[in-house]
PDB file of all heavy atoms in Angstrom:
ATOM      1  N   ILE A   1       0.812  -1.206  -0.010  1.00  0.00           N
ATOM      2  CA  ILE A   1      -0.001   0.002  -0.007  1.00  0.00           C
ATOM      3  C   ILE A   1       0.850   1.262  -0.004  1.00  0.00           C
ATOM      4  O   ILE A   1       0.482   2.272  -0.582  1.00  0.00           O
ATOM      5  CB  ILE A   1      -0.986  -0.017   1.200  1.00  0.00           C
ATOM      6  CG1 ILE A   1      -1.971   1.145   1.080  1.00  0.00           C
ATOM      7  CG2 ILE A   1      -0.246   0.006   2.511  1.00  0.00           C
ATOM      8  CD1 ILE A   1      -2.942   1.053  -0.053  1.00  0.00           C
ATOM      9  N   LYS A   2       2.059   1.203   0.642  1.00  0.00           N
ATOM     10  CA  LYS A   2       2.887   2.415   0.669  1.00  0.00           C
ATOM     11  C   LYS A   2       3.355   2.805  -0.723  1.00  0.00           C
ATOM     12  O   LYS A   2       3.559   4.008  -1.003  1.00  0.00           O
ATOM     13  CB  LYS A   2       4.117   2.160   1.575  1.00  0.00           C
ATOM     14  CG  LYS A   2       5.078   1.081   1.039  1.00  0.00           C
ATOM     15  CD  LYS A   2       6.366   1.003   1.847  1.00  0.00           C
ATOM     16  CE  LYS A   2       7.286  -0.050   1.171  1.00  0.00           C
ATOM     17  NZ  LYS A   2       8.599  -0.113   1.865  1.00  0.00           N
ATOM     18  N   VAL A   3       3.494   1.829  -1.593  1.00  0.00           N
ATOM     19  CA  VAL A   3       3.890   2.122  -2.961  1.00  0.00           C
ATOM     20  C   VAL A   3       2.774   2.795  -3.747  1.00  0.00           C
ATOM     21  O   VAL A   3       3.010   3.578  -4.665  1.00  0.00           O
ATOM     22  CB  VAL A   3       4.338   0.810  -3.689  1.00  0.00           C
ATOM     23  CG1 VAL A   3       4.684   1.065  -5.154  1.00  0.00           C
ATOM     24  CG2 VAL A   3       5.504   0.188  -2.966  1.00  0.00           C
ATOM     25  N   LEU A   4       1.529   2.534  -3.348  1.00  0.00           N
ATOM     26  CA  LEU A   4       0.377   3.072  -4.079  1.00  0.00           C
ATOM     27  C   LEU A   4       0.016   4.501  -3.640  1.00  0.00           C
ATOM     28  O   LEU A   4      -0.744   5.193  -4.348  1.00  0.00           O
ATOM     29  CB  LEU A   4      -0.841   2.163  -3.856  1.00  0.00           C
ATOM     30  CG  LEU A   4      -0.677   0.702  -4.273  1.00  0.00           C
ATOM     31  CD1 LEU A   4      -1.984  -0.050  -4.008  1.00  0.00           C
ATOM     32  CD2 LEU A   4      -0.297   0.580  -5.737  1.00  0.00           C
ATOM     33  N   HIS A   5       0.553   4.953  -2.532  1.00  0.00           N
ATOM     34  CA  HIS A   5       0.182   6.291  -1.994  1.00  0.00           C
ATOM     35  C   HIS A   5       0.415   7.414  -3.007  1.00  0.00           C
ATOM     36  O   HIS A   5      -0.428   8.338  -3.096  1.00  0.00           O
ATOM     37  CB  HIS A   5       0.897   6.578  -0.697  1.00  0.00           C
ATOM     38  CG  HIS A   5       0.279   5.882   0.475  1.00  0.00           C
ATOM     39  ND1 HIS A   5       1.005   5.421   1.569  1.00  0.00           N
ATOM     40  CD2 HIS A   5      -0.983   5.484   0.677  1.00  0.00           C
ATOM     41  CE1 HIS A   5       0.185   4.836   2.400  1.00  0.00           C
ATOM     42  NE2 HIS A   5      -1.027   4.826   1.891  1.00  0.00           N
ATOM     43  N   PRO A   6       1.512   7.467  -3.767  1.00  0.00           N
ATOM     44  CA  PRO A   6       1.690   8.549  -4.737  1.00  0.00           C
ATOM     45  C   PRO A   6       0.558   8.644  -5.735  1.00  0.00           C
ATOM     46  O   PRO A   6       0.283   9.738  -6.279  1.00  0.00           O
ATOM     47  CB  PRO A   6       3.009   8.231  -5.422  1.00  0.00           C
ATOM     48  CG  PRO A   6       3.773   7.377  -4.452  1.00  0.00           C
ATOM     49  CD  PRO A   6       2.726   6.578  -3.731  1.00  0.00           C
ATOM     50  N   LEU A   7      -0.110   7.515  -6.032  1.00  0.00           N
ATOM     51  CA  LEU A   7      -1.206   7.531  -6.986  1.00  0.00           C
ATOM     52  C   LEU A   7      -2.388   8.369  -6.477  1.00  0.00           C
ATOM     53  O   LEU A   7      -3.102   8.995  -7.273  1.00  0.00           O
ATOM     54  CB  LEU A   7      -1.696   6.106  -7.294  1.00  0.00           C
ATOM     55  CG  LEU A   7      -0.718   5.149  -7.957  1.00  0.00           C
ATOM     56  CD1 LEU A   7      -1.354   3.789  -8.134  1.00  0.00           C
ATOM     57  CD2 LEU A   7      -0.287   5.691  -9.310  1.00  0.00           C
ATOM     58  N   LEU A   8      -2.558   8.419  -5.170  1.00  0.00           N
ATOM     59  CA  LEU A   8      -3.688   9.178  -4.620  1.00  0.00           C
ATOM     60  C   LEU A   8      -3.547  10.657  -4.911  1.00  0.00           C
ATOM     61  O   LEU A   8      -4.460  11.299  -5.413  1.00  0.00           O
ATOM     62  CB  LEU A   8      -3.758   8.971  -3.071  1.00  0.00           C
ATOM     63  CG  LEU A   8      -4.218   7.555  -2.627  1.00  0.00           C
ATOM     64  CD1 LEU A   8      -4.215   7.513  -1.092  1.00  0.00           C
ATOM     65  CD2 LEU A   8      -5.611   7.264  -3.158  1.00  0.00           C
ATOM     66  N   THR A   9      -2.351  11.235  -4.575  1.00  0.00           N
ATOM     67  CA  THR A   9      -2.197  12.646  -4.831  1.00  0.00           C
ATOM     68  C   THR A   9      -2.050  12.948  -6.330  1.00  0.00           C
ATOM     69  O   THR A   9      -2.517  13.991  -6.797  1.00  0.00           O
ATOM     70  CB  THR A   9      -0.968  13.203  -4.093  1.00  0.00           C
ATOM     71  OG1 THR A   9       0.173  12.390  -4.414  1.00  0.00           O
ATOM     72  CG2 THR A   9      -1.201  13.210  -2.589  1.00  0.00           C
ATOM     73  N   ALA A  10      -1.441  12.006  -7.065  1.00  0.00           N
ATOM     74  CA  ALA A  10      -1.275  12.226  -8.541  1.00  0.00           C
ATOM     75  C   ALA A  10      -2.629  12.351  -9.239  1.00  0.00           C
ATOM     76  O   ALA A  10      -2.808  13.218 -10.068  1.00  0.00           O
ATOM     77  CB  ALA A  10      -0.466  11.077  -9.144  1.00  0.00           C
ATOM     78  N   THR A  11      -3.597  11.482  -8.838  1.00  0.00           N
ATOM     79  CA  THR A  11      -4.889  11.518  -9.484  1.00  0.00           C
ATOM     80  C   THR A  11      -5.792  12.618  -8.905  1.00  0.00           C
ATOM     81  O   THR A  11      -6.521  13.280  -9.669  1.00  0.00           O
ATOM     82  CB  THR A  11      -5.600  10.146  -9.369  1.00  0.00           C
ATOM     83  OG1 THR A  11      -5.605   9.749  -7.988  1.00  0.00           O
ATOM     84  CG2 THR A  11      -4.883   9.083 -10.197  1.00  0.00           C
ATOM     85  N   GLN A  12      -5.758  12.789  -7.568  1.00  0.00           N
ATOM     86  CA  GLN A  12      -6.669  13.739  -6.931  1.00  0.00           C
ATOM     87  C   GLN A  12      -6.212  15.189  -7.078  1.00  0.00           C
ATOM     88  O   GLN A  12      -7.023  16.071  -7.357  1.00  0.00           O
ATOM     89  CB  GLN A  12      -6.814  13.409  -5.441  1.00  0.00           C
ATOM     90  CG  GLN A  12      -7.524  12.109  -5.176  1.00  0.00           C
ATOM     91  CD  GLN A  12      -8.992  12.152  -5.630  1.00  0.00           C
ATOM     92  OE1 GLN A  12      -9.780  12.947  -5.178  1.00  0.00           O
ATOM     93  NE2 GLN A  12      -9.324  11.243  -6.533  1.00  0.00           N
ATOM     94  N   GLU A  13      -4.926  15.420  -6.922  1.00  0.00           N
ATOM     95  CA  GLU A  13      -4.407  16.813  -6.886  1.00  0.00           C
ATOM     96  C   GLU A  13      -3.616  17.181  -8.136  1.00  0.00           C
ATOM     97  O   GLU A  13      -3.261  18.339  -8.309  1.00  0.00           O
ATOM     98  CB  GLU A  13      -3.544  17.001  -5.645  1.00  0.00           C
ATOM     99  CG  GLU A  13      -4.329  16.772  -4.341  1.00  0.00           C
ATOM    100  CD  GLU A  13      -3.437  16.695  -3.147  1.00  0.00           C
ATOM    101  OE1 GLU A  13      -2.290  17.217  -3.222  1.00  0.00           O
ATOM    102  OE2 GLU A  13      -3.838  16.099  -2.119  1.00  0.00           O
ATOM    103  N   GLY A  14      -3.321  16.212  -8.994  1.00  0.00           N
ATOM    104  CA  GLY A  14      -2.552  16.506 -10.213  1.00  0.00           C
ATOM    105  C   GLY A  14      -1.065  16.679  -9.977  1.00  0.00           C
ATOM    106  O   GLY A  14      -0.375  17.203 -10.856  1.00  0.00           O
ATOM    107  N   ASN A  15      -0.575  16.250  -8.829  1.00  0.00           N
ATOM    108  CA  ASN A  15       0.882  16.267  -8.567  1.00  0.00           C
ATOM    109  C   ASN A  15       1.219  15.270  -7.478  1.00  0.00           C
ATOM    110  O   ASN A  15       0.333  14.741  -6.828  1.00  0.00           O
ATOM    111  CB  ASN A  15       1.327  17.691  -8.164  1.00  0.00           C
ATOM    112  CG  ASN A  15       0.637  18.143  -6.906  1.00  0.00           C
ATOM    113  OD1 ASN A  15       0.933  17.674  -5.813  1.00  0.00           O
ATOM    114  ND2 ASN A  15      -0.320  19.070  -7.067  1.00  0.00           N
ATOM    115  N   TYR A  16       2.494  15.015  -7.291  1.00  0.00           N
ATOM    116  CA  TYR A  16       2.938  14.044  -6.307  1.00  0.00           C
ATOM    117  C   TYR A  16       4.354  14.428  -5.864  1.00  0.00           C
ATOM    118  O   TYR A  16       5.065  15.138  -6.573  1.00  0.00           O
ATOM    119  CB  TYR A  16       2.939  12.612  -6.874  1.00  0.00           C
ATOM    120  CG  TYR A  16       3.761  12.473  -8.154  1.00  0.00           C
ATOM    121  CD1 TYR A  16       5.097  12.099  -8.115  1.00  0.00           C
ATOM    122  CD2 TYR A  16       3.195  12.810  -9.413  1.00  0.00           C
ATOM    123  CE1 TYR A  16       5.853  12.004  -9.277  1.00  0.00           C
ATOM    124  CE2 TYR A  16       3.967  12.707 -10.544  1.00  0.00           C
ATOM    125  CZ  TYR A  16       5.272  12.320 -10.488  1.00  0.00           C
ATOM    126  OH  TYR A  16       6.028  12.260 -11.627  1.00  0.00           O
ATOM    127  N   LYS A  17       4.760  13.945  -4.712  1.00  0.00           N
ATOM    128  CA  LYS A  17       6.071  14.241  -4.174  1.00  0.00           C
ATOM    129  C   LYS A  17       7.084  13.210  -4.681  1.00  0.00           C
ATOM    130  O   LYS A  17       6.785  12.027  -4.696  1.00  0.00           O
ATOM    131  CB  LYS A  17       6.067  14.223  -2.665  1.00  0.00           C
ATOM    132  CG  LYS A  17       5.422  15.467  -2.034  1.00  0.00           C
ATOM    133  CD  LYS A  17       6.272  16.704  -2.255  1.00  0.00           C
ATOM    134  CE  LYS A  17       7.525  16.663  -1.381  1.00  0.00           C
ATOM    135  NZ  LYS A  17       8.382  17.872  -1.631  1.00  0.00           N
ATOM    136  N   GLY A  18       8.286  13.688  -5.009  1.00  0.00           N
ATOM    137  CA  GLY A  18       9.361  12.777  -5.330  1.00  0.00           C
ATOM    138  C   GLY A  18      10.038  12.279  -4.060  1.00  0.00           C
ATOM    139  O   GLY A  18       9.507  12.504  -2.968  1.00  0.00           O
ATOM    140  N   THR A  19      11.177  11.657  -4.188  1.00  0.00           N
ATOM    141  CA  THR A  19      11.843  11.138  -2.984  1.00  0.00           C
ATOM    142  C   THR A  19      12.736  12.174  -2.311  1.00  0.00           C
ATOM    143  O   THR A  19      13.305  11.923  -1.263  1.00  0.00           O
ATOM    144  CB  THR A  19      12.694   9.907  -3.347  1.00  0.00           C
ATOM    145  OG1 THR A  19      13.650  10.285  -4.359  1.00  0.00           O
ATOM    146  CG2 THR A  19      11.861   8.757  -3.858  1.00  0.00           C
ATOM    147  N   GLU A  20      12.863  13.349  -2.948  1.00  0.00           N
ATOM    148  CA  GLU A  20      13.737  14.401  -2.399  1.00  0.00           C
ATOM    149  C   GLU A  20      12.923  15.613  -1.927  1.00  0.00           C
ATOM    150  O   GLU A  20      11.716  15.653  -2.073  1.00  0.00           O
ATOM    151  CB  GLU A  20      14.784  14.803  -3.420  1.00  0.00           C
ATOM    152  CG  GLU A  20      15.648  13.668  -3.905  1.00  0.00           C
ATOM    153  CD  GLU A  20      16.317  12.881  -2.739  1.00  0.00           C
ATOM    154  OE1 GLU A  20      16.806  13.512  -1.802  1.00  0.00           O
ATOM    155  OE2 GLU A  20      16.292  11.637  -2.772  1.00  0.00           O
ATOM    156  N   GLY A  21      13.638  16.640  -1.442  1.00  0.00           N
ATOM    157  CA  GLY A  21      12.948  17.728  -0.787  1.00  0.00           C
ATOM    158  C   GLY A  21      12.482  18.875  -1.653  1.00  0.00           C
ATOM    159  O   GLY A  21      12.045  19.880  -1.146  1.00  0.00           O
ATOM    160  N   PHE A  22      12.535  18.731  -2.970  1.00  0.00           N
ATOM    161  CA  PHE A  22      12.038  19.813  -3.809  1.00  0.00           C
ATOM    162  C   PHE A  22      10.517  19.714  -3.998  1.00  0.00           C
ATOM    163  O   PHE A  22       9.883  18.829  -3.443  1.00  0.00           O
ATOM    164  CB  PHE A  22      12.769  19.863  -5.174  1.00  0.00           C
ATOM    165  CG  PHE A  22      12.842  18.547  -5.888  1.00  0.00           C
ATOM    166  CD1 PHE A  22      11.724  17.916  -6.362  1.00  0.00           C
ATOM    167  CD2 PHE A  22      14.085  17.914  -6.101  1.00  0.00           C
ATOM    168  CE1 PHE A  22      11.769  16.727  -7.021  1.00  0.00           C
ATOM    169  CE2 PHE A  22      14.139  16.696  -6.767  1.00  0.00           C
ATOM    170  CZ  PHE A  22      12.991  16.109  -7.208  1.00  0.00           C
ATOM    171  N   GLY A  23       9.971  20.666  -4.791  1.00  0.00           N
ATOM    172  CA  GLY A  23       8.524  20.756  -4.920  1.00  0.00           C
ATOM    173  C   GLY A  23       7.889  19.545  -5.594  1.00  0.00           C
ATOM    174  O   GLY A  23       8.558  18.615  -6.063  1.00  0.00           O
ATOM    175  N   ALA A  24       6.545  19.596  -5.660  1.00  0.00           N
ATOM    176  CA  ALA A  24       5.761  18.476  -6.227  1.00  0.00           C
ATOM    177  C   ALA A  24       5.994  18.397  -7.741  1.00  0.00           C
ATOM    178  O   ALA A  24       6.204  19.387  -8.394  1.00  0.00           O
ATOM    179  CB  ALA A  24       4.305  18.657  -5.897  1.00  0.00           C
ATOM    180  N   ILE A  25       5.845  17.185  -8.223  1.00  0.00           N
ATOM    181  CA  ILE A  25       5.994  16.903  -9.690  1.00  0.00           C
ATOM    182  C   ILE A  25       4.590  16.791 -10.277  1.00  0.00           C
ATOM    183  O   ILE A  25       3.741  16.116  -9.687  1.00  0.00           O
ATOM    184  CB  ILE A  25       6.791  15.605  -9.909  1.00  0.00           C
ATOM    185  CG1 ILE A  25       8.163  15.706  -9.227  1.00  0.00           C
ATOM    186  CG2 ILE A  25       6.973  15.328 -11.417  1.00  0.00           C
ATOM    187  CD1 ILE A  25       8.918  14.367  -9.189  1.00  0.00           C
ATOM    188  N   PRO A  26       4.326  17.425 -11.430  1.00  0.00           N
ATOM    189  CA  PRO A  26       2.948  17.371 -11.986  1.00  0.00           C
ATOM    190  C   PRO A  26       2.592  16.031 -12.609  1.00  0.00           C
ATOM    191  O   PRO A  26       3.464  15.331 -13.131  1.00  0.00           O
ATOM    192  CB  PRO A  26       2.957  18.468 -13.059  1.00  0.00           C
ATOM    193  CG  PRO A  26       4.397  18.510 -13.511  1.00  0.00           C
ATOM    194  CD  PRO A  26       5.230  18.210 -12.287  1.00  0.00           C
ATOM    195  N   PHE A  27       1.320  15.719 -12.561  1.00  0.00           N
ATOM    196  CA  PHE A  27       0.813  14.547 -13.319  1.00  0.00           C
ATOM    197  C   PHE A  27      -0.584  14.905 -13.845  1.00  0.00           C
ATOM    198  O   PHE A  27      -1.516  15.143 -13.065  1.00  0.00           O
ATOM    199  CB  PHE A  27       0.747  13.283 -12.456  1.00  0.00           C
ATOM    200  CG  PHE A  27       0.249  12.087 -13.249  1.00  0.00           C
ATOM    201  CD1 PHE A  27       1.090  11.425 -14.147  1.00  0.00           C
ATOM    202  CD2 PHE A  27      -1.049  11.646 -13.125  1.00  0.00           C
ATOM    203  CE1 PHE A  27       0.634  10.329 -14.885  1.00  0.00           C
ATOM    204  CE2 PHE A  27      -1.521  10.572 -13.894  1.00  0.00           C
ATOM    205  CZ  PHE A  27      -0.644   9.930 -14.762  1.00  0.00           C
ATOM    206  N   ASP A  28      -0.713  14.929 -15.132  1.00  0.00           N
ATOM    207  CA  ASP A  28      -2.026  15.214 -15.764  1.00  0.00           C
ATOM    208  C   ASP A  28      -2.246  14.131 -16.837  1.00  0.00           C
ATOM    209  O   ASP A  28      -2.157  14.390 -18.034  1.00  0.00           O
ATOM    210  CB  ASP A  28      -2.020  16.616 -16.383  1.00  0.00           C
ATOM    211  CG  ASP A  28      -3.351  16.973 -17.000  1.00  0.00           C
ATOM    212  OD1 ASP A  28      -4.367  16.353 -16.561  1.00  0.00           O
ATOM    213  OD2 ASP A  28      -3.413  17.791 -17.922  1.00  0.00           O
ATOM    214  N   GLY A  29      -2.441  12.921 -16.369  1.00  0.00           N
ATOM    215  CA  GLY A  29      -2.607  11.803 -17.308  1.00  0.00           C
ATOM    216  C   GLY A  29      -3.602  10.800 -16.779  1.00  0.00           C
ATOM    217  O   GLY A  29      -4.400  11.068 -15.901  1.00  0.00           O
ATOM    218  N   ILE A  30      -3.536   9.611 -17.349  1.00  0.00           N
ATOM    219  CA  ILE A  30      -4.442   8.522 -16.991  1.00  0.00           C
ATOM    220  C   ILE A  30      -3.662   7.394 -16.319  1.00  0.00           C
ATOM    221  O   ILE A  30      -2.610   7.000 -16.790  1.00  0.00           O
ATOM    222  CB  ILE A  30      -5.122   7.945 -18.289  1.00  0.00           C
ATOM    223  CG1 ILE A  30      -5.882   9.039 -19.017  1.00  0.00           C
ATOM    224  CG2 ILE A  30      -6.006   6.771 -17.956  1.00  0.00           C
ATOM    225  CD1 ILE A  30      -6.030   8.765 -20.502  1.00  0.00           C
ATOM    226  N   VAL A  31      -4.193   6.903 -15.201  1.00  0.00           N
ATOM    227  CA  VAL A  31      -3.594   5.713 -14.584  1.00  0.00           C
ATOM    228  C   VAL A  31      -4.537   4.554 -14.888  1.00  0.00           C
ATOM    229  O   VAL A  31      -5.714   4.550 -14.536  1.00  0.00           O
ATOM    230  CB  VAL A  31      -3.476   5.902 -13.051  1.00  0.00           C
ATOM    231  CG1 VAL A  31      -2.911   4.585 -12.440  1.00  0.00           C
ATOM    232  CG2 VAL A  31      -2.504   7.033 -12.726  1.00  0.00           C
ATOM    233  N   LEU A  32      -3.991   3.572 -15.570  1.00  0.00           N
ATOM    234  CA  LEU A  32      -4.754   2.355 -15.947  1.00  0.00           C
ATOM    235  C   LEU A  32      -4.174   1.183 -15.181  1.00  0.00           C
ATOM    236  O   LEU A  32      -2.990   0.890 -15.300  1.00  0.00           O
ATOM    237  CB  LEU A  32      -4.629   2.116 -17.470  1.00  0.00           C
ATOM    238  CG  LEU A  32      -5.092   0.770 -17.976  1.00  0.00           C
ATOM    239  CD1 LEU A  32      -6.608   0.633 -17.816  1.00  0.00           C
ATOM    240  CD2 LEU A  32      -4.713   0.576 -19.452  1.00  0.00           C
ATOM    241  N   ALA A  33      -4.985   0.562 -14.358  1.00  0.00           N
ATOM    242  CA  ALA A  33      -4.517  -0.550 -13.537  1.00  0.00           C
ATOM    243  C   ALA A  33      -5.347  -1.783 -13.841  1.00  0.00           C
ATOM    244  O   ALA A  33      -6.491  -1.684 -14.325  1.00  0.00           O
ATOM    245  CB  ALA A  33      -4.575  -0.225 -12.071  1.00  0.00           C
ATOM    246  N   HIS A  34      -4.771  -2.968 -13.600  1.00  0.00           N
ATOM    247  CA  HIS A  34      -5.554  -4.197 -13.708  1.00  0.00           C
ATOM    248  C   HIS A  34      -4.946  -5.296 -12.839  1.00  0.00           C
ATOM    249  O   HIS A  34      -3.745  -5.287 -12.604  1.00  0.00           O
ATOM    250  CB  HIS A  34      -5.711  -4.662 -15.160  1.00  0.00           C
ATOM    251  CG  HIS A  34      -4.423  -4.758 -15.922  1.00  0.00           C
ATOM    252  ND1 HIS A  34      -3.663  -5.893 -15.950  1.00  0.00           N
ATOM    253  CD2 HIS A  34      -3.747  -3.850 -16.669  1.00  0.00           C
ATOM    254  CE1 HIS A  34      -2.595  -5.712 -16.742  1.00  0.00           C
ATOM    255  NE2 HIS A  34      -2.616  -4.463 -17.158  1.00  0.00           N
TER     256      HIS A  34
END
């Protein structure tokens, strides 16, 4: 589940945090899972 956490902010807020201390990285795409 810890690996899936970035997907929450990527889909809900359009950005996610990287592993370092700089700002959020944008995501404006589609996540397709199966």
